[in-house]
Amino acid sequence: MQSNKFELVESMLERYKRLTLAALQPLFYPREPQKHLYDLVPSYPERGGKGLRPALCIATCHAFGGSTHSALKSAVALELFHNAFLIHDDVEDGSEYRRGKPTMHAEQGIGIAVNVGDAMNVLSIRPLMENLSILGPKLTWQVLAEIEHMVRQSVEGQAMELGWIRDNECDLTEEDYLRMTLKKTCWYTCIHPCRIGGLIGTGGSLGLDRFNRFAYFMGAAFQIQDDILNLVGECKKYGKEIGGDIWEGKRTLMLIHLLNNCTTVERLQLKSFLATPRKDRLWRDVRWVYRLMAKYKSIEYARQSAHRLGGEALNEFSLAYHDAPDSDDKRFIQQLVEYMIERDI
């Protein structure tokens, strides 16, 4: 039923993913050193994924009258940055699986994985440079400014999350989680892809802050749903180890809700579990955390939050895209909000 309900969304995600992957291929041509670098660079982009970020960029560009050709280089850069983040995130989180396969560091070792992620960051610069002949110097510089802000916000958000885990921070609120998610997820997943697409589509004539609230609410709903799927999704569909966020001690909305609603004794036990290194955590303790989340309805609370944020995103969509003419791309972006909070992958 979902495939029929979201037929437009899924078909356009697939279309823009294929366009982006085809445009990536020239960056993947064989060269030395192959075995320990360039043969590995295509691994994450070619594993699958939804291609959400390039799709949002291209679709927003189309919605405001721009062409695929004008947005494609920027879309490619967004996808490369995303996959570089994934490789580095997997190392930092100690994740074992990504998109149904062993993570890069599990297969190749931490050193090589980090270097491949670094290489992807470097390779993302080339399409941004190639924008010069397509967009001209002014728009190229504006896209670069958007990218610089995107990357800086992302690493700051990642630092917040990693710091909370390292320091075993347990006195967190929902507002803390949403602030971290804005930085770590929303800017690079939704806000900047929309802003860059709008910038290119209108030739720089559009006020880009109009996209911020819409894309923030959409990105936050997306992240909460991703966190939920990590706990309750089907491993084959989700593509990562189920329960990995608990093993890693990630401060998801569910964990923060649990910490703020359980008894004093349970909270002390939970803090002790979170202080234990991942390699020393036991399945019985992870199952105990699951049971506590069920007891205090933490996952249901997160679902409700995702739907609330999705509703806010739809309200803001009518403001962000109000002067874009009706089109498949405009409808795709609108329907994408509901798709992201109902998806099971």
C-alpha atoms as a PDB file:
ATOM      1  CA  MET A   1       0.000   0.000   0.000  1.00  0.00           C
ATOM      2  CA  GLN A   2       2.858   2.372   0.806  1.00  0.00           C
ATOM      3  CA  SER A   3       4.371   1.992  -2.671  1.00  0.00           C
ATOM      4  CA  ASN A   4       1.029   3.117  -4.226  1.00  0.00           C
ATOM      5  CA  LYS A   5       0.462   5.930  -1.764  1.00  0.00           C
ATOM      6  CA  PHE A   6       3.966   7.255  -2.292  1.00  0.00           C
ATOM      7  CA  GLU A   7       4.395   6.297  -5.919  1.00  0.00           C
ATOM      8  CA  LEU A   8       5.392   9.840  -6.944  1.00  0.00           C
ATOM      9  CA  VAL A   9       7.890  10.155  -4.093  1.00  0.00           C
ATOM     10  CA  GLU A  10       9.544   6.808  -4.714  1.00  0.00           C
ATOM     11  CA  SER A  11       9.712   7.228  -8.482  1.00  0.00           C
ATOM     12  CA  MET A  12      11.270  10.689  -8.232  1.00  0.00           C
ATOM     13  CA  LEU A  13      13.728   9.617  -5.540  1.00  0.00           C
ATOM     14  CA  GLU A  14      14.796   6.782  -7.822  1.00  0.00           C
ATOM     15  CA  ARG A  15      15.050   9.087 -10.853  1.00  0.00           C
ATOM     16  CA  TYR A  16      17.203  11.676  -9.112  1.00  0.00           C
ATOM     17  CA  LYS A  17      19.331   8.986  -7.460  1.00  0.00           C
ATOM     18  CA  ARG A  18      20.111   7.489 -10.878  1.00  0.00           C
ATOM     19  CA  LEU A  19      20.976  10.927 -12.275  1.00  0.00           C
ATOM     20  CA  THR A  20      23.297  11.627  -9.360  1.00  0.00           C
ATOM     21  CA  LEU A  21      25.030   8.237  -9.504  1.00  0.00           C
ATOM     22  CA  ALA A  22      25.583   8.622 -13.242  1.00  0.00           C
ATOM     23  CA  ALA A  23      27.099  12.059 -12.674  1.00  0.00           C
ATOM     24  CA  LEU A  24      29.344  10.604  -9.958  1.00  0.00           C
ATOM     25  CA  GLN A  25      30.913   8.002 -12.248  1.00  0.00           C
ATOM     26  CA  PRO A  26      33.588  10.287 -13.802  1.00  0.00           C
ATOM     27  CA  LEU A  27      34.935  10.846 -10.291  1.00  0.00           C
ATOM     28  CA  PHE A  28      35.309   7.080  -9.807  1.00  0.00           C
ATOM     29  CA  TYR A  29      37.626   6.341 -12.726  1.00  0.00           C
ATOM     30  CA  PRO A  30      40.444   3.885 -11.896  1.00  0.00           C
ATOM     31  CA  ARG A  31      43.709   5.411 -10.741  1.00  0.00           C
ATOM     32  CA  GLU A  32      46.432   4.695  -8.226  1.00  0.00           C
ATOM     33  CA  PRO A  33      46.408   3.827  -5.440  1.00  0.00           C
ATOM     34  CA  GLN A  34      43.473   1.617  -6.405  1.00  0.00           C
ATOM     35  CA  LYS A  35      43.337  -1.221  -3.889  1.00  0.00           C
ATOM     36  CA  HIS A  36      43.478   0.883  -0.751  1.00  0.00           C
ATOM     37  CA  LEU A  37      41.664   4.018  -1.958  1.00  0.00           C
ATOM     38  CA  TYR A  38      39.996   4.500  -5.342  1.00  0.00           C
ATOM     39  CA  ASP A  39      38.514   1.006  -5.583  1.00  0.00           C
ATOM     40  CA  LEU A  40      36.839   1.706  -2.230  1.00  0.00           C
ATOM     41  CA  VAL A  41      35.485   5.201  -2.912  1.00  0.00           C
ATOM     42  CA  PRO A  42      32.363   4.034  -4.822  1.00  0.00           C
ATOM     43  CA  SER A  43      31.409   1.517  -2.123  1.00  0.00           C
ATOM     44  CA  TYR A  44      28.995   3.582  -0.018  1.00  0.00           C
ATOM     45  CA  PRO A  45      27.370   5.591  -2.854  1.00  0.00           C
ATOM     46  CA  GLU A  46      26.689   2.391  -4.802  1.00  0.00           C
ATOM     47  CA  ARG A  47      25.225   0.476  -1.849  1.00  0.00           C
ATOM     48  CA  GLY A  48      21.844   2.124  -2.235  1.00  0.00           C
ATOM     49  CA  GLY A  49      20.259   4.724  -0.013  1.00  0.00           C
ATOM     50  CA  LYS A  50      17.419   7.040  -0.934  1.00  0.00           C
ATOM     51  CA  GLY A  51      19.416   9.874  -2.495  1.00  0.00           C
ATOM     52  CA  LEU A  52      17.350  12.308  -0.446  1.00  0.00           C
ATOM     53  CA  ARG A  53      19.780  15.222  -0.440  1.00  0.00           C
ATOM     54  CA  PRO A  54      20.457  15.479  -4.179  1.00  0.00           C
ATOM     55  CA  ALA A  55      16.743  14.884  -4.843  1.00  0.00           C
ATOM     56  CA  LEU A  56      15.739  17.807  -2.622  1.00  0.00           C
ATOM     57  CA  CYS A  57      18.318  20.024  -4.310  1.00  0.00           C
ATOM     58  CA  ILE A  58      17.296  19.165  -7.872  1.00  0.00           C
ATOM     59  CA  ALA A  59      13.557  19.158  -7.150  1.00  0.00           C
ATOM     60  CA  THR A  60      13.683  22.573  -5.464  1.00  0.00           C
ATOM     61  CA  CYS A  61      15.701  23.919  -8.375  1.00  0.00           C
ATOM     62  CA  HIS A  62      13.053  22.568 -10.782  1.00  0.00           C
ATOM     63  CA  ALA A  63      10.200  23.897  -8.649  1.00  0.00           C
ATOM     64  CA  PHE A  64      11.530  27.426  -9.063  1.00  0.00           C
ATOM     65  CA  GLY A  65      12.210  27.157 -12.782  1.00  0.00           C
ATOM     66  CA  GLY A  66      15.782  25.862 -12.903  1.00  0.00           C
ATOM     67  CA  SER A  67      17.233  22.951 -14.873  1.00  0.00           C
ATOM     68  CA  THR A  68      18.720  19.612 -13.909  1.00  0.00           C
ATOM     69  CA  HIS A  69      21.959  20.596 -15.612  1.00  0.00           C
ATOM     70  CA  SER A  70      22.366  23.694 -13.460  1.00  0.00           C
ATOM     71  CA  ALA A  71      21.806  21.818 -10.167  1.00  0.00           C
ATOM     72  CA  LEU A  72      23.499  18.492 -10.855  1.00  0.00           C
ATOM     73  CA  LYS A  73      27.058  19.384  -9.853  1.00  0.00           C
ATOM     74  CA  SER A  74      25.864  20.715  -6.513  1.00  0.00           C
ATOM     75  CA  ALA A  75      23.691  17.615  -6.021  1.00  0.00           C
ATOM     76  CA  VAL A  76      26.733  15.405  -6.657  1.00  0.00           C
ATOM     77  CA  ALA A  77      28.753  17.334  -4.069  1.00  0.00           C
ATOM     78  CA  LEU A  78      25.961  16.942  -1.501  1.00  0.00           C
ATOM     79  CA  GLU A  79      25.869  13.178  -2.078  1.00  0.00           C
ATOM     80  CA  LEU A  80      29.655  12.876  -1.743  1.00  0.00           C
ATOM     81  CA  PHE A  81      29.699  14.865   1.493  1.00  0.00           C
ATOM     82  CA  HIS A  82      26.873  12.696   2.806  1.00  0.00           C
ATOM     83  CA  ASN A  83      28.716   9.443   2.115  1.00  0.00           C
ATOM     84  CA  ALA A  84      31.936  10.808   3.589  1.00  0.00           C
ATOM     85  CA  PHE A  85      29.976  11.679   6.741  1.00  0.00           C
ATOM     86  CA  LEU A  86      28.583   8.132   6.832  1.00  0.00           C
ATOM     87  CA  ILE A  87      32.020   6.522   6.670  1.00  0.00           C
ATOM     88  CA  HIS A  88      33.337   8.763   9.439  1.00  0.00           C
ATOM     89  CA  ASP A  89      30.150   8.383  11.506  1.00  0.00           C
ATOM     90  CA  ASP A  90      30.465   4.599  11.342  1.00  0.00           C
ATOM     91  CA  VAL A  91      34.013   4.796  12.687  1.00  0.00           C
ATOM     92  CA  GLU A  92      33.058   7.256  15.430  1.00  0.00           C
ATOM     93  CA  ASP A  93      30.009   5.227  16.459  1.00  0.00           C
ATOM     94  CA  GLY A  94      31.617   1.801  16.168  1.00  0.00           C
ATOM     95  CA  SER A  95      28.813   0.719  13.817  1.00  0.00           C
ATOM     96  CA  GLU A  96      29.045  -2.734  12.279  1.00  0.00           C
ATOM     97  CA  TYR A  97      26.690  -2.489   9.278  1.00  0.00           C
ATOM     98  CA  ARG A  98      25.710   0.160   6.749  1.00  0.00           C
ATOM     99  CA  ARG A  99      23.091  -0.401   4.041  1.00  0.00           C
ATOM    100  CA  GLY A 100      23.054  -4.136   4.640  1.00  0.00           C
ATOM    101  CA  LYS A 101      26.817  -4.677   4.402  1.00  0.00           C
ATOM    102  CA  PRO A 102      29.743  -4.463   6.820  1.00  0.00           C
ATOM    103  CA  THR A 103      30.883  -0.901   7.404  1.00  0.00           C
ATOM    104  CA  MET A 104      33.995   0.358   5.663  1.00  0.00           C
ATOM    105  CA  HIS A 105      36.117   0.175   8.808  1.00  0.00           C
ATOM    106  CA  ALA A 106      34.832  -3.319   9.621  1.00  0.00           C
ATOM    107  CA  GLU A 107      35.989  -4.480   6.181  1.00  0.00           C
ATOM    108  CA  GLN A 108      39.111  -2.390   5.651  1.00  0.00           C
ATOM    109  CA  GLY A 109      40.265  -1.225   9.078  1.00  0.00           C
ATOM    110  CA  ILE A 110      39.839   2.163  10.736  1.00  0.00           C
ATOM    111  CA  GLY A 111      42.808   3.881   9.118  1.00  0.00           C
ATOM    112  CA  ILE A 112      41.838   3.083   5.544  1.00  0.00           C
ATOM    113  CA  ALA A 113      38.169   3.886   6.217  1.00  0.00           C
ATOM    114  CA  VAL A 114      38.998   7.328   7.611  1.00  0.00           C
ATOM    115  CA  ASN A 115      41.215   8.023   4.614  1.00  0.00           C
ATOM    116  CA  VAL A 116      38.488   6.975   2.154  1.00  0.00           C
ATOM    117  CA  GLY A 117      36.103   9.358   3.906  1.00  0.00           C
ATOM    118  CA  ASP A 118      38.712  12.103   3.632  1.00  0.00           C
ATOM    119  CA  ALA A 119      39.108  11.333  -0.077  1.00  0.00           C
ATOM    120  CA  MET A 120      35.376  11.670  -0.645  1.00  0.00           C
ATOM    121  CA  ASN A 121      35.424  15.082   1.022  1.00  0.00           C
ATOM    122  CA  VAL A 122      38.240  16.107  -1.326  1.00  0.00           C
ATOM    123  CA  LEU A 123      36.452  14.697  -4.383  1.00  0.00           C
ATOM    124  CA  SER A 124      33.345  16.731  -3.517  1.00  0.00           C
ATOM    125  CA  ILE A 125      35.311  19.916  -4.211  1.00  0.00           C
ATOM    126  CA  ARG A 126      35.706  19.134  -7.928  1.00  0.00           C
ATOM    127  CA  PRO A 127      31.998  19.371  -8.911  1.00  0.00           C
ATOM    128  CA  LEU A 128      31.718  22.587  -6.903  1.00  0.00           C
ATOM    129  CA  MET A 129      34.645  24.001  -8.909  1.00  0.00           C
ATOM    130  CA  GLU A 130      32.979  22.833 -12.129  1.00  0.00           C
ATOM    131  CA  ASN A 131      29.936  24.938 -11.227  1.00  0.00           C
ATOM    132  CA  LEU A 132      31.938  27.954 -12.383  1.00  0.00           C
ATOM    133  CA  SER A 133      31.335  27.280 -16.083  1.00  0.00           C
ATOM    134  CA  ILE A 134      27.652  26.492 -15.464  1.00  0.00           C
ATOM    135  CA  LEU A 135      26.533  29.020 -12.866  1.00  0.00           C
ATOM    136  CA  GLY A 136      29.118  31.782 -13.184  1.00  0.00           C
ATOM    137  CA  PRO A 137      31.339  33.139 -10.416  1.00  0.00           C
ATOM    138  CA  LYS A 138      28.682  34.812  -8.227  1.00  0.00           C
ATOM    139  CA  LEU A 139      26.345  31.821  -7.897  1.00  0.00           C
ATOM    140  CA  THR A 140      29.284  29.407  -7.603  1.00  0.00           C
ATOM    141  CA  TRP A 141      30.604  31.410  -4.659  1.00  0.00           C
ATOM    142  CA  GLN A 142      27.149  31.498  -3.048  1.00  0.00           C
ATOM    143  CA  VAL A 143      26.835  27.716  -3.353  1.00  0.00           C
ATOM    144  CA  LEU A 144      30.284  27.340  -1.769  1.00  0.00           C
ATOM    145  CA  ALA A 145      29.192  29.577   1.110  1.00  0.00           C
ATOM    146  CA  GLU A 146      26.162  27.343   1.657  1.00  0.00           C
ATOM    147  CA  ILE A 147      28.360  24.233   1.622  1.00  0.00           C
ATOM    148  CA  GLU A 148      30.841  25.734   4.100  1.00  0.00           C
ATOM    149  CA  HIS A 149      28.040  26.518   6.548  1.00  0.00           C
ATOM    150  CA  MET A 150      26.515  23.061   6.034  1.00  0.00           C
ATOM    151  CA  VAL A 151      29.739  21.208   6.805  1.00  0.00           C
ATOM    152  CA  ARG A 152      30.560  23.357   9.815  1.00  0.00           C
ATOM    153  CA  GLN A 153      27.118  22.873  11.344  1.00  0.00           C
ATOM    154  CA  SER A 154      27.319  19.121  10.747  1.00  0.00           C
ATOM    155  CA  VAL A 155      30.644  18.628  12.498  1.00  0.00           C
ATOM    156  CA  GLU A 156      29.508  20.832  15.387  1.00  0.00           C
ATOM    157  CA  GLY A 157      26.389  18.699  15.817  1.00  0.00           C
ATOM    158  CA  GLN A 158      28.444  15.527  15.639  1.00  0.00           C
ATOM    159  CA  ALA A 159      30.763  16.920  18.310  1.00  0.00           C
ATOM    160  CA  MET A 160      27.762  17.530  20.582  1.00  0.00           C
ATOM    161  CA  GLU A 161      26.515  13.962  20.184  1.00  0.00           C
ATOM    162  CA  LEU A 162      29.947  12.372  20.592  1.00  0.00           C
ATOM    163  CA  GLY A 163      30.646  14.549  23.624  1.00  0.00           C
ATOM    164  CA  TRP A 164      27.403  13.513  25.302  1.00  0.00           C
ATOM    165  CA  ILE A 165      28.334   9.858  24.852  1.00  0.00           C
ATOM    166  CA  ARG A 166      31.937  10.248  25.976  1.00  0.00           C
ATOM    167  CA  ASP A 167      31.037  12.282  29.062  1.00  0.00           C
ATOM    168  CA  ASN A 168      27.992  10.112  29.815  1.00  0.00           C
ATOM    169  CA  GLU A 169      25.759  13.161  29.808  1.00  0.00           C
ATOM    170  CA  CYS A 170      22.350  12.153  31.134  1.00  0.00           C
ATOM    171  CA  ASP A 171      20.808  15.491  32.076  1.00  0.00           C
ATOM    172  CA  LEU A 172      19.485  16.328  28.628  1.00  0.00           C
ATOM    173  CA  THR A 173      16.145  17.642  27.428  1.00  0.00           C
ATOM    174  CA  GLU A 174      14.154  17.337  24.225  1.00  0.00           C
ATOM    175  CA  GLU A 175      15.304  20.859  23.374  1.00  0.00           C
ATOM    176  CA  ASP A 176      18.942  19.704  23.640  1.00  0.00           C
ATOM    177  CA  TYR A 177      18.199  16.815  21.280  1.00  0.00           C
ATOM    178  CA  LEU A 178      16.490  19.064  18.729  1.00  0.00           C
ATOM    179  CA  ARG A 179      19.345  21.585  18.869  1.00  0.00           C
ATOM    180  CA  MET A 180      21.853  18.803  18.197  1.00  0.00           C
ATOM    181  CA  THR A 181      19.655  17.397  15.416  1.00  0.00           C
ATOM    182  CA  LEU A 182      19.358  20.815  13.774  1.00  0.00           C
ATOM    183  CA  LYS A 183      23.131  20.991  13.561  1.00  0.00           C
ATOM    184  CA  LYS A 184      24.004  17.375  12.840  1.00  0.00           C
ATOM    185  CA  THR A 185      21.137  16.410  10.531  1.00  0.00           C
ATOM    186  CA  CYS A 186      18.808  19.181   9.431  1.00  0.00           C
ATOM    187  CA  TRP A 187      21.263  21.598   7.838  1.00  0.00           C
ATOM    188  CA  TYR A 188      22.903  19.028   5.576  1.00  0.00           C
ATOM    189  CA  THR A 189      19.964  16.677   5.019  1.00  0.00           C
ATOM    190  CA  CYS A 190      17.219  19.177   4.218  1.00  0.00           C
ATOM    191  CA  ILE A 191      17.930  22.869   4.797  1.00  0.00           C
ATOM    192  CA  HIS A 192      20.964  23.397   2.576  1.00  0.00           C
ATOM    193  CA  PRO A 193      19.793  21.088  -0.237  1.00  0.00           C
ATOM    194  CA  CYS A 194      16.600  23.189  -0.425  1.00  0.00           C
ATOM    195  CA  ARG A 195      18.492  26.465  -0.128  1.00  0.00           C
ATOM    196  CA  ILE A 196      21.013  25.507  -2.814  1.00  0.00           C
ATOM    197  CA  GLY A 197      18.265  24.296  -5.146  1.00  0.00           C
ATOM    198  CA  GLY A 198      16.311  27.517  -4.648  1.00  0.00           C
ATOM    199  CA  LEU A 199      19.434  29.615  -5.112  1.00  0.00           C
ATOM    200  CA  ILE A 200      20.270  27.950  -8.429  1.00  0.00           C
ATOM    201  CA  GLY A 201      16.684  27.741  -9.658  1.00  0.00           C
ATOM    202  CA  THR A 202      16.101  31.483  -9.285  1.00  0.00           C
ATOM    203  CA  GLY A 203      19.581  32.664 -10.156  1.00  0.00           C
ATOM    204  CA  GLY A 204      20.039  34.090  -6.683  1.00  0.00           C
ATOM    205  CA  SER A 205      16.877  36.218  -6.607  1.00  0.00           C
ATOM    206  CA  LEU A 206      15.145  34.269  -3.816  1.00  0.00           C
ATOM    207  CA  GLY A 207      15.440  34.900  -0.070  1.00  0.00           C
ATOM    208  CA  LEU A 208      16.799  31.538   1.065  1.00  0.00           C
ATOM    209  CA  ASP A 209      15.817  31.811   4.728  1.00  0.00           C
ATOM    210  CA  ARG A 210      12.261  30.960   3.665  1.00  0.00           C
ATOM    211  CA  PHE A 211      13.343  27.313   3.530  1.00  0.00           C
ATOM    212  CA  ASN A 212      14.852  27.131   7.006  1.00  0.00           C
ATOM    213  CA  ARG A 213      11.794  26.363   9.144  1.00  0.00           C
ATOM    214  CA  PHE A 214      10.227  23.955   6.652  1.00  0.00           C
ATOM    215  CA  ALA A 215      13.432  21.996   6.167  1.00  0.00           C
ATOM    216  CA  TYR A 216      14.259  22.045   9.893  1.00  0.00           C
ATOM    217  CA  PHE A 217      10.944  20.470  10.830  1.00  0.00           C
ATOM    218  CA  MET A 218      11.247  17.942   8.004  1.00  0.00           C
ATOM    219  CA  GLY A 219      14.839  17.051   8.929  1.00  0.00           C
ATOM    220  CA  ALA A 220      14.036  16.651  12.625  1.00  0.00           C
ATOM    221  CA  ALA A 221      11.082  14.372  11.819  1.00  0.00           C
ATOM    222  CA  PHE A 222      13.347  12.381   9.484  1.00  0.00           C
ATOM    223  CA  GLN A 223      16.003  11.924  12.188  1.00  0.00           C
ATOM    224  CA  ILE A 224      13.515  10.842  14.849  1.00  0.00           C
ATOM    225  CA  GLN A 225      12.001   8.303  12.473  1.00  0.00           C
ATOM    226  CA  ASP A 226      15.505   7.054  11.644  1.00  0.00           C
ATOM    227  CA  ASP A 227      16.197   6.630  15.370  1.00  0.00           C
ATOM    228  CA  ILE A 228      12.908   4.743  15.795  1.00  0.00           C
ATOM    229  CA  LEU A 229      13.728   2.410  12.902  1.00  0.00           C
ATOM    230  CA  ASN A 230      17.073   1.675  14.531  1.00  0.00           C
ATOM    231  CA  LEU A 231      15.119   0.151  17.413  1.00  0.00           C
ATOM    232  CA  VAL A 232      12.117  -1.463  15.740  1.00  0.00           C
ATOM    233  CA  GLY A 233      12.895  -1.734  12.025  1.00  0.00           C
ATOM    234  CA  GLU A 234      13.555  -4.884  10.053  1.00  0.00           C
ATOM    235  CA  CYS A 235      17.303  -5.364   9.669  1.00  0.00           C
ATOM    236  CA  LYS A 236      17.118  -6.331   5.978  1.00  0.00           C
ATOM    237  CA  LYS A 237      15.124  -3.201   5.153  1.00  0.00           C
ATOM    238  CA  TYR A 238      16.853  -0.784   7.515  1.00  0.00           C
ATOM    239  CA  GLY A 239      20.358  -1.838   6.498  1.00  0.00           C
ATOM    240  CA  LYS A 240      22.030  -1.271   9.884  1.00  0.00           C
ATOM    241  CA  GLU A 241      22.207  -3.360  13.024  1.00  0.00           C
ATOM    242  CA  ILE A 242      18.907  -3.069  14.877  1.00  0.00           C
ATOM    243  CA  GLY A 243      19.435  -1.606  18.337  1.00  0.00           C
ATOM    244  CA  GLY A 244      22.790  -0.137  17.357  1.00  0.00           C
ATOM    245  CA  ASP A 245      21.917   3.195  18.933  1.00  0.00           C
ATOM    246  CA  ILE A 246      21.473   1.525  22.317  1.00  0.00           C
ATOM    247  CA  TRP A 247      24.750  -0.364  21.968  1.00  0.00           C
ATOM    248  CA  GLU A 248      26.429   2.942  21.061  1.00  0.00           C
ATOM    249  CA  GLY A 249      24.713   4.910  23.844  1.00  0.00           C
ATOM    250  CA  LYS A 250      23.342   7.514  21.444  1.00  0.00           C
ATOM    251  CA  ARG A 251      21.250  10.202  23.081  1.00  0.00           C
ATOM    252  CA  THR A 252      18.182   9.680  20.942  1.00  0.00           C
ATOM    253  CA  LEU A 253      14.860  11.285  21.797  1.00  0.00           C
ATOM    254  CA  MET A 254      13.699   7.910  23.152  1.00  0.00           C
ATOM    255  CA  LEU A 255      16.672   7.586  25.492  1.00  0.00           C
ATOM    256  CA  ILE A 256      16.337  11.172  26.708  1.00  0.00           C
ATOM    257  CA  HIS A 257      12.603  10.630  27.312  1.00  0.00           C
ATOM    258  CA  LEU A 258      13.404   7.456  29.244  1.00  0.00           C
ATOM    259  CA  LEU A 259      16.066   9.136  31.391  1.00  0.00           C
ATOM    260  CA  ASN A 260      13.610  11.884  32.294  1.00  0.00           C
ATOM    261  CA  ASN A 261      10.687   9.582  33.128  1.00  0.00           C
ATOM    262  CA  CYS A 262      12.048   6.445  34.778  1.00  0.00           C
ATOM    263  CA  THR A 263      12.462   5.940  38.531  1.00  0.00           C
ATOM    264  CA  THR A 264      15.554   7.080  40.430  1.00  0.00           C
ATOM    265  CA  VAL A 265      16.790   3.486  40.763  1.00  0.00           C
ATOM    266  CA  GLU A 266      16.218   2.757  37.078  1.00  0.00           C
ATOM    267  CA  ARG A 267      17.987   5.976  36.135  1.00  0.00           C
ATOM    268  CA  LEU A 268      21.054   5.021  38.174  1.00  0.00           C
ATOM    269  CA  GLN A 269      21.121   1.591  36.508  1.00  0.00           C
ATOM    270  CA  LEU A 270      20.705   3.200  33.093  1.00  0.00           C
ATOM    271  CA  LYS A 271      23.545   5.645  33.737  1.00  0.00           C
ATOM    272  CA  SER A 272      25.745   2.723  34.783  1.00  0.00           C
ATOM    273  CA  PHE A 273      24.900   0.883  31.561  1.00  0.00           C
ATOM    274  CA  LEU A 274      25.685   3.993  29.502  1.00  0.00           C
ATOM    275  CA  ALA A 275      29.010   4.407  31.314  1.00  0.00           C
ATOM    276  CA  THR A 276      30.045   0.898  30.256  1.00  0.00           C
ATOM    277  CA  PRO A 277      32.193   0.759  27.077  1.00  0.00           C
ATOM    278  CA  ARG A 278      30.301  -0.623  24.087  1.00  0.00           C
ATOM    279  CA  LYS A 279      32.506  -3.708  23.858  1.00  0.00           C
ATOM    280  CA  ASP A 280      31.591  -4.635  27.440  1.00  0.00           C
ATOM    281  CA  ARG A 281      27.823  -4.191  27.093  1.00  0.00           C
ATOM    282  CA  LEU A 282      25.690  -7.317  27.144  1.00  0.00           C
ATOM    283  CA  TRP A 283      22.588  -8.298  25.185  1.00  0.00           C
ATOM    284  CA  ARG A 284      20.625  -8.781  28.388  1.00  0.00           C
ATOM    285  CA  ASP A 285      21.319  -5.160  29.335  1.00  0.00           C
ATOM    286  CA  VAL A 286      20.315  -3.913  25.884  1.00  0.00           C
ATOM    287  CA  ARG A 287      17.070  -5.916  26.154  1.00  0.00           C
ATOM    288  CA  TRP A 288      16.499  -4.357  29.575  1.00  0.00           C
ATOM    289  CA  VAL A 289      16.734  -0.887  28.005  1.00  0.00           C
ATOM    290  CA  TYR A 290      14.200  -1.981  25.379  1.00  0.00           C
ATOM    291  CA  ARG A 291      11.831  -3.111  28.131  1.00  0.00           C
ATOM    292  CA  LEU A 292      12.195   0.198  29.955  1.00  0.00           C
ATOM    293  CA  MET A 293      11.425   2.107  26.765  1.00  0.00           C
ATOM    294  CA  ALA A 294       8.287   0.005  26.351  1.00  0.00           C
ATOM    295  CA  LYS A 295       7.324   0.545  29.982  1.00  0.00           C
ATOM    296  CA  TYR A 296       7.537   4.330  29.689  1.00  0.00           C
ATOM    297  CA  LYS A 297       6.247   4.471  26.091  1.00  0.00           C
ATOM    298  CA  SER A 298       9.391   6.271  24.938  1.00  0.00           C
ATOM    299  CA  ILE A 299       9.180   4.994  21.353  1.00  0.00           C
ATOM    300  CA  GLU A 300       5.523   5.997  21.119  1.00  0.00           C
ATOM    301  CA  TYR A 301       6.452   9.431  22.441  1.00  0.00           C
ATOM    302  CA  ALA A 302       9.074   9.759  19.715  1.00  0.00           C
ATOM    303  CA  ARG A 303       6.550   8.711  17.052  1.00  0.00           C
ATOM    304  CA  GLN A 304       4.165  11.388  18.221  1.00  0.00           C
ATOM    305  CA  SER A 305       6.976  13.959  18.126  1.00  0.00           C
ATOM    306  CA  ALA A 306       7.907  12.959  14.569  1.00  0.00           C
ATOM    307  CA  HIS A 307       4.291  13.353  13.436  1.00  0.00           C
ATOM    308  CA  ARG A 308       4.005  16.709  15.191  1.00  0.00           C
ATOM    309  CA  LEU A 309       7.165  17.953  13.500  1.00  0.00           C
ATOM    310  CA  GLY A 310       5.928  16.597  10.177  1.00  0.00           C
ATOM    311  CA  GLY A 311       2.738  18.604  10.605  1.00  0.00           C
ATOM    312  CA  GLU A 312       4.765  21.719  11.298  1.00  0.00           C
ATOM    313  CA  ALA A 313       6.823  21.027   8.168  1.00  0.00           C
ATOM    314  CA  LEU A 314       3.676  20.825   6.030  1.00  0.00           C
ATOM    315  CA  ASN A 315       2.469  24.133   7.446  1.00  0.00           C
ATOM    316  CA  GLU A 316       5.791  25.744   6.613  1.00  0.00           C
ATOM    317  CA  PHE A 317       5.863  24.165   3.139  1.00  0.00           C
ATOM    318  CA  SER A 318       2.977  26.375   2.068  1.00  0.00           C
ATOM    319  CA  LEU A 319       5.093  29.411   2.958  1.00  0.00           C
ATOM    320  CA  ALA A 320       8.436  28.217   1.596  1.00  0.00           C
ATOM    321  CA  TYR A 321       7.050  27.123  -1.791  1.00  0.00           C
ATOM    322  CA  HIS A 322       3.963  29.358  -2.051  1.00  0.00           C
ATOM    323  CA  ASP A 323       5.102  31.125  -5.233  1.00  0.00           C
ATOM    324  CA  ALA A 324       6.442  28.025  -6.975  1.00  0.00           C
ATOM    325  CA  PRO A 325       4.013  26.904  -9.710  1.00  0.00           C
ATOM    326  CA  ASP A 326       2.282  23.549  -9.407  1.00  0.00           C
ATOM    327  CA  SER A 327       4.540  20.734 -10.642  1.00  0.00           C
ATOM    328  CA  ASP A 328       5.516  17.145  -9.926  1.00  0.00           C
ATOM    329  CA  ASP A 329       8.622  18.440  -8.179  1.00  0.00           C
ATOM    330  CA  LYS A 330       6.613  20.677  -5.860  1.00  0.00           C
ATOM    331  CA  ARG A 331       4.202  17.829  -5.054  1.00  0.00           C
ATOM    332  CA  PHE A 332       7.165  15.485  -4.543  1.00  0.00           C
ATOM    333  CA  ILE A 333       8.686  17.766  -1.903  1.00  0.00           C
ATOM    334  CA  GLN A 334       5.360  18.160  -0.121  1.00  0.00           C
ATOM    335  CA  GLN A 335       4.627  14.421  -0.105  1.00  0.00           C
ATOM    336  CA  LEU A 336       8.195  13.676   0.978  1.00  0.00           C
ATOM    337  CA  VAL A 337       7.384  14.959   4.473  1.00  0.00           C
ATOM    338  CA  GLU A 338       4.747  12.306   5.122  1.00  0.00           C
ATOM    339  CA  TYR A 339       6.864   9.660   3.394  1.00  0.00           C
ATOM    340  CA  MET A 340       9.791  10.265   5.704  1.00  0.00           C
ATOM    341  CA  ILE A 341       7.778   9.744   8.893  1.00  0.00           C
ATOM    342  CA  GLU A 342       5.878   6.700   7.590  1.00  0.00           C
ATOM    343  CA  ARG A 343       8.792   4.915   5.904  1.00  0.00           C
ATOM    344  CA  ASP A 344      10.033   1.565   7.169  1.00  0.00           C
ATOM    345  CA  ILE A 345      13.523   1.835   5.618  1.00  0.00           C
END
